[in-house]
Amino acid sequence: VWNATVYELSKNYECHVFTFAGFGDVPAI
């Protein structure tokens, strides 16, 4: 969801982009 945001911000910042457990391909807890 942050792809366009990261495209801009990663030019000047170190972006740590999270996906939480149970969402996408991340196993549930």
PDB file of all heavy atoms in Angstrom:
ATOM      1  N   VAL A   1       0.831  -1.205   0.000  1.00  0.00           N
ATOM      2  CA  VAL A   1       0.000   0.000   0.000  1.00  0.00           C
ATOM      3  C   VAL A   1       0.869   1.261   0.000  1.00  0.00           C
ATOM      4  O   VAL A   1       0.435   2.332  -0.412  1.00  0.00           O
ATOM      5  CB  VAL A   1      -0.965  -0.009   1.211  1.00  0.00           C
ATOM      6  CG1 VAL A   1      -0.230   0.290   2.514  1.00  0.00           C
ATOM      7  CG2 VAL A   1      -2.108   0.970   1.014  1.00  0.00           C
ATOM      8  N   TRP A   2       2.134   1.121   0.442  1.00  0.00           N
ATOM      9  CA  TRP A   2       3.052   2.250   0.538  1.00  0.00           C
ATOM     10  C   TRP A   2       3.974   2.356  -0.683  1.00  0.00           C
ATOM     11  O   TRP A   2       4.917   3.156  -0.660  1.00  0.00           O
ATOM     12  CB  TRP A   2       3.910   2.130   1.789  1.00  0.00           C
ATOM     13  CG  TRP A   2       3.170   2.190   3.080  1.00  0.00           C
ATOM     14  CD1 TRP A   2       3.074   1.222   4.036  1.00  0.00           C
ATOM     15  CD2 TRP A   2       2.447   3.321   3.604  1.00  0.00           C
ATOM     16  NE1 TRP A   2       2.336   1.658   5.103  1.00  0.00           N
ATOM     17  CE2 TRP A   2       1.936   2.940   4.874  1.00  0.00           C
ATOM     18  CE3 TRP A   2       2.178   4.599   3.123  1.00  0.00           C
ATOM     19  CZ2 TRP A   2       1.169   3.804   5.656  1.00  0.00           C
ATOM     20  CZ3 TRP A   2       1.423   5.462   3.902  1.00  0.00           C
ATOM     21  CH2 TRP A   2       0.928   5.060   5.154  1.00  0.00           C
ATOM     22  N   ASN A   3       3.774   1.578  -1.735  1.00  0.00           N
ATOM     23  CA  ASN A   3       4.733   1.546  -2.848  1.00  0.00           C
ATOM     24  C   ASN A   3       5.060   2.928  -3.402  1.00  0.00           C
ATOM     25  O   ASN A   3       6.226   3.289  -3.567  1.00  0.00           O
ATOM     26  CB  ASN A   3       4.223   0.638  -3.974  1.00  0.00           C
ATOM     27  CG  ASN A   3       4.465  -0.835  -3.700  1.00  0.00           C
ATOM     28  OD1 ASN A   3       5.114  -1.195  -2.720  1.00  0.00           O
ATOM     29  ND2 ASN A   3       3.942  -1.684  -4.562  1.00  0.00           N
ATOM     30  N   ALA A   4       4.040   3.700  -3.725  1.00  0.00           N
ATOM     31  CA  ALA A   4       4.286   5.032  -4.295  1.00  0.00           C
ATOM     32  C   ALA A   4       4.961   5.944  -3.275  1.00  0.00           C
ATOM     33  O   ALA A   4       5.812   6.772  -3.627  1.00  0.00           O
ATOM     34  CB  ALA A   4       2.977   5.647  -4.784  1.00  0.00           C
ATOM     35  N   THR A   5       4.580   5.791  -2.015  1.00  0.00           N
ATOM     36  CA  THR A   5       5.190   6.582  -0.942  1.00  0.00           C
ATOM     37  C   THR A   5       6.662   6.243  -0.799  1.00  0.00           C
ATOM     38  O   THR A   5       7.522   7.134  -0.688  1.00  0.00           O
ATOM     39  CB  THR A   5       4.449   6.319   0.386  1.00  0.00           C
ATOM     40  OG1 THR A   5       3.062   6.577   0.213  1.00  0.00           O
ATOM     41  CG2 THR A   5       4.998   7.191   1.494  1.00  0.00           C
ATOM     42  N   VAL A   6       6.975   4.953  -0.803  1.00  0.00           N
ATOM     43  CA  VAL A   6       8.361   4.508  -0.647  1.00  0.00           C
ATOM     44  C   VAL A   6       9.207   4.935  -1.844  1.00  0.00           C
ATOM     45  O   VAL A   6      10.388   5.282  -1.697  1.00  0.00           O
ATOM     46  CB  VAL A   6       8.418   2.980  -0.448  1.00  0.00           C
ATOM     47  CG1 VAL A   6       9.855   2.467  -0.494  1.00  0.00           C
ATOM     48  CG2 VAL A   6       7.773   2.602   0.878  1.00  0.00           C
ATOM     49  N   TYR A   7       8.620   4.931  -3.019  1.00  0.00           N
ATOM     50  CA  TYR A   7       9.332   5.404  -4.202  1.00  0.00           C
ATOM     51  C   TYR A   7       9.884   6.813  -3.974  1.00  0.00           C
ATOM     52  O   TYR A   7      11.025   7.128  -4.341  1.00  0.00           O
ATOM     53  CB  TYR A   7       8.397   5.385  -5.410  1.00  0.00           C
ATOM     54  CG  TYR A   7       8.954   6.087  -6.633  1.00  0.00           C
ATOM     55  CD1 TYR A   7       9.969   5.513  -7.390  1.00  0.00           C
ATOM     56  CD2 TYR A   7       8.453   7.338  -7.012  1.00  0.00           C
ATOM     57  CE1 TYR A   7      10.481   6.161  -8.497  1.00  0.00           C
ATOM     58  CE2 TYR A   7       8.962   7.991  -8.126  1.00  0.00           C
ATOM     59  CZ  TYR A   7       9.981   7.406  -8.867  1.00  0.00           C
ATOM     60  OH  TYR A   7      10.477   8.053  -9.956  1.00  0.00           O
ATOM     61  N   GLU A   8       9.087   7.674  -3.349  1.00  0.00           N
ATOM     62  CA  GLU A   8       9.524   9.049  -3.087  1.00  0.00           C
ATOM     63  C   GLU A   8      10.448   9.134  -1.868  1.00  0.00           C
ATOM     64  O   GLU A   8      11.515   9.747  -1.925  1.00  0.00           O
ATOM     65  CB  GLU A   8       8.302   9.952  -2.880  1.00  0.00           C
ATOM     66  CG  GLU A   8       7.468  10.165  -4.120  1.00  0.00           C
ATOM     67  CD  GLU A   8       8.189  10.971  -5.184  1.00  0.00           C
ATOM     68  OE1 GLU A   8       9.115  11.733  -4.845  1.00  0.00           O
ATOM     69  OE2 GLU A   8       7.827  10.824  -6.365  1.00  0.00           O
ATOM     70  N   LEU A   9      10.045   8.512  -0.776  1.00  0.00           N
ATOM     71  CA  LEU A   9      10.779   8.709   0.478  1.00  0.00           C
ATOM     72  C   LEU A   9      12.128   7.999   0.511  1.00  0.00           C
ATOM     73  O   LEU A   9      13.065   8.461   1.165  1.00  0.00           O
ATOM     74  CB  LEU A   9       9.927   8.245   1.662  1.00  0.00           C
ATOM     75  CG  LEU A   9       8.629   9.006   1.919  1.00  0.00           C
ATOM     76  CD1 LEU A   9       7.996   8.539   3.225  1.00  0.00           C
ATOM     77  CD2 LEU A   9       8.852  10.514   1.954  1.00  0.00           C
ATOM     78  N   SER A  10      12.232   6.866  -0.202  1.00  0.00           N
ATOM     79  CA  SER A  10      13.481   6.093  -0.149  1.00  0.00           C
ATOM     80  C   SER A  10      14.644   6.801  -0.831  1.00  0.00           C
ATOM     81  O   SER A  10      15.795   6.387  -0.695  1.00  0.00           O
ATOM     82  CB  SER A  10      13.276   4.712  -0.776  1.00  0.00           C
ATOM     83  OG  SER A  10      12.919   4.828  -2.142  1.00  0.00           O
ATOM     84  N   LYS A  11      14.364   7.886  -1.541  1.00  0.00           N
ATOM     85  CA  LYS A  11      15.445   8.675  -2.130  1.00  0.00           C
ATOM     86  C   LYS A  11      16.274   9.367  -1.058  1.00  0.00           C
ATOM     87  O   LYS A  11      17.454   9.674  -1.277  1.00  0.00           O
ATOM     88  CB  LYS A  11      14.861   9.720  -3.085  1.00  0.00           C
ATOM     89  CG  LYS A  11      14.096   9.141  -4.268  1.00  0.00           C
ATOM     90  CD  LYS A  11      13.389  10.228  -5.059  1.00  0.00           C
ATOM     91  CE  LYS A  11      12.529   9.651  -6.173  1.00  0.00           C
ATOM     92  NZ  LYS A  11      11.766  10.703  -6.898  1.00  0.00           N
ATOM     93  N   ASN A  12      15.653   9.606   0.098  1.00  0.00           N
ATOM     94  CA  ASN A  12      16.344  10.343   1.167  1.00  0.00           C
ATOM     95  C   ASN A  12      16.275   9.669   2.536  1.00  0.00           C
ATOM     96  O   ASN A  12      16.936  10.129   3.474  1.00  0.00           O
ATOM     97  CB  ASN A  12      15.739  11.751   1.291  1.00  0.00           C
ATOM     98  CG  ASN A  12      15.896  12.563   0.016  1.00  0.00           C
ATOM     99  OD1 ASN A  12      17.000  12.837  -0.430  1.00  0.00           O
ATOM    100  ND2 ASN A  12      14.773  12.934  -0.596  1.00  0.00           N
ATOM    101  N   TYR A  13      15.478   8.609   2.654  1.00  0.00           N
ATOM    102  CA  TYR A  13      15.272   7.965   3.948  1.00  0.00           C
ATOM    103  C   TYR A  13      15.411   6.446   3.827  1.00  0.00           C
ATOM    104  O   TYR A  13      15.251   5.883   2.737  1.00  0.00           O
ATOM    105  CB  TYR A  13      13.874   8.284   4.494  1.00  0.00           C
ATOM    106  CG  TYR A  13      13.622   9.741   4.753  1.00  0.00           C
ATOM    107  CD1 TYR A  13      13.029  10.553   3.778  1.00  0.00           C
ATOM    108  CD2 TYR A  13      13.955  10.317   5.990  1.00  0.00           C
ATOM    109  CE1 TYR A  13      12.780  11.901   4.015  1.00  0.00           C
ATOM    110  CE2 TYR A  13      13.711  11.660   6.223  1.00  0.00           C
ATOM    111  CZ  TYR A  13      13.131  12.440   5.235  1.00  0.00           C
ATOM    112  OH  TYR A  13      12.897  13.767   5.478  1.00  0.00           O
ATOM    113  N   GLU A  14      15.686   5.823   4.946  1.00  0.00           N
ATOM    114  CA  GLU A  14      15.671   4.364   5.045  1.00  0.00           C
ATOM    115  C   GLU A  14      14.271   3.945   5.485  1.00  0.00           C
ATOM    116  O   GLU A  14      13.864   4.163   6.625  1.00  0.00           O
ATOM    117  CB  GLU A  14      16.707   3.894   6.065  1.00  0.00           C
ATOM    118  CG  GLU A  14      16.794   2.380   6.206  1.00  0.00           C
ATOM    119  CD  GLU A  14      17.802   1.973   7.256  1.00  0.00           C
ATOM    120  OE1 GLU A  14      17.437   1.970   8.460  1.00  0.00           O
ATOM    121  OE2 GLU A  14      18.960   1.681   6.901  1.00  0.00           O
ATOM    122  N   CYS A  15      13.514   3.344   4.570  1.00  0.00           N
ATOM    123  CA  CYS A  15      12.112   3.008   4.810  1.00  0.00           C
ATOM    124  C   CYS A  15      11.979   1.561   5.271  1.00  0.00           C
ATOM    125  O   CYS A  15      12.405   0.639   4.563  1.00  0.00           O
ATOM    126  CB  CYS A  15      11.294   3.220   3.537  1.00  0.00           C
ATOM    127  SG  CYS A  15      11.272   4.920   2.943  1.00  0.00           S
ATOM    128  N   HIS A  16      11.388   1.361   6.429  1.00  0.00           N
ATOM    129  CA  HIS A  16      11.094   0.035   6.964  1.00  0.00           C
ATOM    130  C   HIS A  16       9.596  -0.198   6.762  1.00  0.00           C
ATOM    131  O   HIS A  16       8.760   0.390   7.450  1.00  0.00           O
ATOM    132  CB  HIS A  16      11.449  -0.028   8.455  1.00  0.00           C
ATOM    133  CG  HIS A  16      12.900   0.202   8.731  1.00  0.00           C
ATOM    134  ND1 HIS A  16      13.728  -0.777   9.238  1.00  0.00           N
ATOM    135  CD2 HIS A  16      13.686   1.308   8.565  1.00  0.00           C
ATOM    136  CE1 HIS A  16      14.947  -0.296   9.372  1.00  0.00           C
ATOM    137  NE2 HIS A  16      14.950   0.974   8.971  1.00  0.00           N
ATOM    138  N   VAL A  17       9.261  -1.058   5.802  1.00  0.00           N
ATOM    139  CA  VAL A  17       7.882  -1.214   5.346  1.00  0.00           C
ATOM    140  C   VAL A  17       7.332  -2.537   5.886  1.00  0.00           C
ATOM    141  O   VAL A  17       7.806  -3.614   5.527  1.00  0.00           O
ATOM    142  CB  VAL A  17       7.808  -1.193   3.808  1.00  0.00           C
ATOM    143  CG1 VAL A  17       6.352  -1.160   3.353  1.00  0.00           C
ATOM    144  CG2 VAL A  17       8.576   0.004   3.240  1.00  0.00           C
ATOM    145  N   PHE A  18       6.297  -2.450   6.714  1.00  0.00           N
ATOM    146  CA  PHE A  18       5.789  -3.599   7.454  1.00  0.00           C
ATOM    147  C   PHE A  18       4.587  -4.243   6.773  1.00  0.00           C
ATOM    148  O   PHE A  18       3.757  -3.561   6.168  1.00  0.00           O
ATOM    149  CB  PHE A  18       5.369  -3.169   8.868  1.00  0.00           C
ATOM    150  CG  PHE A  18       6.527  -2.875   9.783  1.00  0.00           C
ATOM    151  CD1 PHE A  18       7.276  -1.720   9.634  1.00  0.00           C
ATOM    152  CD2 PHE A  18       6.865  -3.761  10.787  1.00  0.00           C
ATOM    153  CE1 PHE A  18       8.345  -1.446  10.467  1.00  0.00           C
ATOM    154  CE2 PHE A  18       7.936  -3.503  11.631  1.00  0.00           C
ATOM    155  CZ  PHE A  18       8.678  -2.348  11.470  1.00  0.00           C
ATOM    156  N   THR A  19       4.505  -5.567   6.903  1.00  0.00           N
ATOM    157  CA  THR A  19       3.280  -6.324   6.660  1.00  0.00           C
ATOM    158  C   THR A  19       3.058  -7.188   7.887  1.00  0.00           C
ATOM    159  O   THR A  19       3.955  -7.946   8.290  1.00  0.00           O
ATOM    160  CB  THR A  19       3.382  -7.217   5.408  1.00  0.00           C
ATOM    161  OG1 THR A  19       3.603  -6.399   4.258  1.00  0.00           O
ATOM    162  CG2 THR A  19       2.090  -8.016   5.218  1.00  0.00           C
ATOM    163  N   PHE A  20       1.902  -7.092   8.494  1.00  0.00           N
ATOM    164  CA  PHE A  20       1.660  -7.749   9.781  1.00  0.00           C
ATOM    165  C   PHE A  20       1.178  -9.188   9.601  1.00  0.00           C
ATOM    166  O   PHE A  20       0.657  -9.573   8.548  1.00  0.00           O
ATOM    167  CB  PHE A  20       0.652  -6.937  10.601  1.00  0.00           C
ATOM    168  CG  PHE A  20       1.110  -5.543  10.905  1.00  0.00           C
ATOM    169  CD1 PHE A  20       0.299  -4.445  10.636  1.00  0.00           C
ATOM    170  CD2 PHE A  20       2.369  -5.311  11.441  1.00  0.00           C
ATOM    171  CE1 PHE A  20       0.726  -3.155  10.910  1.00  0.00           C
ATOM    172  CE2 PHE A  20       2.809  -4.031  11.720  1.00  0.00           C
ATOM    173  CZ  PHE A  20       1.984  -2.946  11.445  1.00  0.00           C
ATOM    174  N   ALA A  21       1.356  -9.966  10.653  1.00  0.00           N
ATOM    175  CA  ALA A  21       0.998 -11.380  10.643  1.00  0.00           C
ATOM    176  C   ALA A  21      -0.469 -11.580  10.278  1.00  0.00           C
ATOM    177  O   ALA A  21      -1.341 -10.855  10.752  1.00  0.00           O
ATOM    178  CB  ALA A  21       1.280 -12.004  12.009  1.00  0.00           C
ATOM    179  N   GLY A  22      -0.717 -12.560   9.413  1.00  0.00           N
ATOM    180  CA  GLY A  22      -2.070 -12.861   8.984  1.00  0.00           C
ATOM    181  C   GLY A  22      -2.508 -12.105   7.755  1.00  0.00           C
ATOM    182  O   GLY A  22      -3.593 -12.365   7.218  1.00  0.00           O
ATOM    183  N   PHE A  23      -1.679 -11.167   7.279  1.00  0.00           N
ATOM    184  CA  PHE A  23      -1.993 -10.378   6.096  1.00  0.00           C
ATOM    185  C   PHE A  23      -1.008 -10.714   4.980  1.00  0.00           C
ATOM    186  O   PHE A  23       0.162 -11.031   5.236  1.00  0.00           O
ATOM    187  CB  PHE A  23      -1.947  -8.880   6.392  1.00  0.00           C
ATOM    188  CG  PHE A  23      -2.903  -8.431   7.469  1.00  0.00           C
ATOM    189  CD1 PHE A  23      -2.645  -7.298   8.216  1.00  0.00           C
ATOM    190  CD2 PHE A  23      -4.062  -9.142   7.729  1.00  0.00           C
ATOM    191  CE1 PHE A  23      -3.532  -6.874   9.209  1.00  0.00           C
ATOM    192  CE2 PHE A  23      -4.948  -8.733   8.718  1.00  0.00           C
ATOM    193  CZ  PHE A  23      -4.678  -7.593   9.465  1.00  0.00           C
ATOM    194  N   GLY A  24      -1.453 -10.620   3.737  1.00  0.00           N
ATOM    195  CA  GLY A  24      -0.588 -10.972   2.622  1.00  0.00           C
ATOM    196  C   GLY A  24      -0.138 -12.418   2.748  1.00  0.00           C
ATOM    197  O   GLY A  24      -0.937 -13.315   3.007  1.00  0.00           O
ATOM    198  N   ASP A  25       1.150 -12.633   2.592  1.00  0.00           N
ATOM    199  CA  ASP A  25       1.725 -13.974   2.693  1.00  0.00           C
ATOM    200  C   ASP A  25       2.339 -14.255   4.061  1.00  0.00           C
ATOM    201  O   ASP A  25       2.992 -15.282   4.246  1.00  0.00           O
ATOM    202  CB  ASP A  25       2.804 -14.157   1.616  1.00  0.00           C
ATOM    203  CG  ASP A  25       2.232 -14.094   0.205  1.00  0.00           C
ATOM    204  OD1 ASP A  25       1.102 -14.581   0.018  1.00  0.00           O
ATOM    205  OD2 ASP A  25       2.918 -13.566  -0.688  1.00  0.00           O
ATOM    206  N   VAL A  26       2.153 -13.342   5.021  1.00  0.00           N
ATOM    207  CA  VAL A  26       2.758 -13.529   6.343  1.00  0.00           C
ATOM    208  C   VAL A  26       1.871 -14.463   7.174  1.00  0.00           C
ATOM    209  O   VAL A  26       0.671 -14.204   7.320  1.00  0.00           O
ATOM    210  CB  VAL A  26       2.932 -12.175   7.068  1.00  0.00           C
ATOM    211  CG1 VAL A  26       3.659 -12.378   8.389  1.00  0.00           C
ATOM    212  CG2 VAL A  26       3.689 -11.193   6.174  1.00  0.00           C
ATOM    213  N   PRO A  27       2.413 -15.546   7.715  1.00  0.00           N
ATOM    214  CA  PRO A  27       1.594 -16.496   8.482  1.00  0.00           C
ATOM    215  C   PRO A  27       0.900 -15.835   9.665  1.00  0.00           C
ATOM    216  O   PRO A  27       1.402 -14.867  10.249  1.00  0.00           O
ATOM    217  CB  PRO A  27       2.621 -17.543   8.960  1.00  0.00           C
ATOM    218  CG  PRO A  27       3.751 -17.434   7.990  1.00  0.00           C
ATOM    219  CD  PRO A  27       3.815 -15.992   7.592  1.00  0.00           C
ATOM    220  N   ALA A  28      -0.269 -16.359  10.006  1.00  0.00           N
ATOM    221  CA  ALA A  28      -1.044 -15.824  11.124  1.00  0.00           C
ATOM    222  C   ALA A  28      -0.398 -16.207  12.458  1.00  0.00           C
ATOM    223  O   ALA A  28       0.405 -17.137  12.541  1.00  0.00           O
ATOM    224  CB  ALA A  28      -2.468 -16.354  11.073  1.00  0.00           C
ATOM    225  N   ILE A  29      -0.751 -15.476  13.501  1.00  0.00           N
ATOM    226  CA  ILE A  29      -0.329 -15.777  14.865  1.00  0.00           C
ATOM    227  C   ILE A  29      -1.572 -15.919  15.738  1.00  0.00           C
ATOM    228  O   ILE A  29      -2.676 -15.540  15.345  1.00  0.00           O
ATOM    229  CB  ILE A  29       0.592 -14.673  15.441  1.00  0.00           C
ATOM    230  CG1 ILE A  29      -0.119 -13.304  15.394  1.00  0.00           C
ATOM    231  CG2 ILE A  29       1.909 -14.620  14.691  1.00  0.00           C
ATOM    232  CD1 ILE A  29       0.640 -12.179  16.076  1.00  0.00           C
TER     233      ILE A  29
END
